[in-house]
Amino acid sequence: MAGATPWRVLEGAFTSTRSQSLAYYATFPPQEISLRGVVLFVHGIGEYARRFTHLFDALCADGFGVIAYDMIGHGRSDCDYRQERGHAELFQHMVDDTNAFITFAKKTIYPEVLGDTSPPALIFMGMSYGTLVGLHTVLSEQHSFSGMVLTAPAISVEWTCVLKCQAIFMRPLGKLIPHMRITPGVNYNYLSRDPAFVADYLADSMVIKAKMTARMALETLKAMKKLRTDTRVTTASSAFCQIPVLFVQGSADKITSVAQAEEFHRNMATKDKRFEKLDGLFHCIFDEPEKEQVMKIITSWLNERFSPSSEDFLTVEDAEEVRGAEGATVQG
């Protein structure tokens, strides 16, 4: 589609349970489009929601609304501790914030965009570290989800010699000097095979490029262990395992572990689960040369499971044609 998108966009801020201001970004198809569902998107470490507007465009074009926010210490959101960017005092704070955002969206965004219609299906989609936050949010069972899309998931780590050595000191460092930055968050050499994207990423002043703090690293490892040992993941009768799930990851991802994601996928007792390993792709799959293929895989999977809320379903192209015809009639 040429020109400006027809999406309905809302931006602003909501207040966390700890009284911090967190920025949000929501985008929905035109009112004429029958909604298939709403995707809650959670970004990765160092990034922020508006870096993924091209993904949101693809979802809107297929009839999905998107709600996203900048995690604590990221983007335009407040910090958890002084001016410490890319840091959370507790991993649970990010889970609490995500639940608070969903509640805010249901009370504030939905009525403005959807009116008094019944709440649409809610689908979680996370990128990298956002998958870890999102999975714990789903497992908190404060909100009901109808689907999960986990992209380049940061579910666990491969215990290299360096990481094992760091882990020995992580607990005391996390308690004694919690804000000391010791652990690289991202290996920039393996972000994407698109040099233009990497250059843009590194030039973006809102992207956090500092190392992870000792406490953030410790909290992350604890969250990964908690997820790995949660029996609801391996219990077929659990509410968690009733949710359809799609994993999408590049085979050449060296930032998050493909092997750990595959193991987590195998261990899940979910019947409707699928793992798409894309040959040769790096970590940032939405910004690889094959990004259109990636988005097609995701939207096709979603479309198979989420039908339009109305039998009289209009595509974005249909709606534009209707508006064009109405405009021509008025001019005539």
Foldseek 3Di string as FASTA:
>chain_A
DDDDAQKDKDWDWDAFPVGWTWIKIKIAAPPQFFALAEEEEEEDQQAFDVVCVVLQSLQRLLRYIYIYIAFAQADPIHHCDDNQHRDHLALVSRLRRSLVSVVCCVVPVCCVRPNPDDHGAYEYEYAARRVLSVVVNVVVVPDAHQAYEYELYQLDADCDPVNVVCVVCLVVCCVPVQFDFDAFLFDLVQQEPDVVVSVVQVPDPRGDGTHYGSNRVVNSNVSSVCVVPPCLQQDCPHSSLQHAYEYEYEPAEPNHDPVVVVVSQVRGNRPRYYYHYHYPTYRNCCPYPCNVVVSVVVSVVSCVPTPGPDPPGDGSVRVVVVVVVVVVVVVD
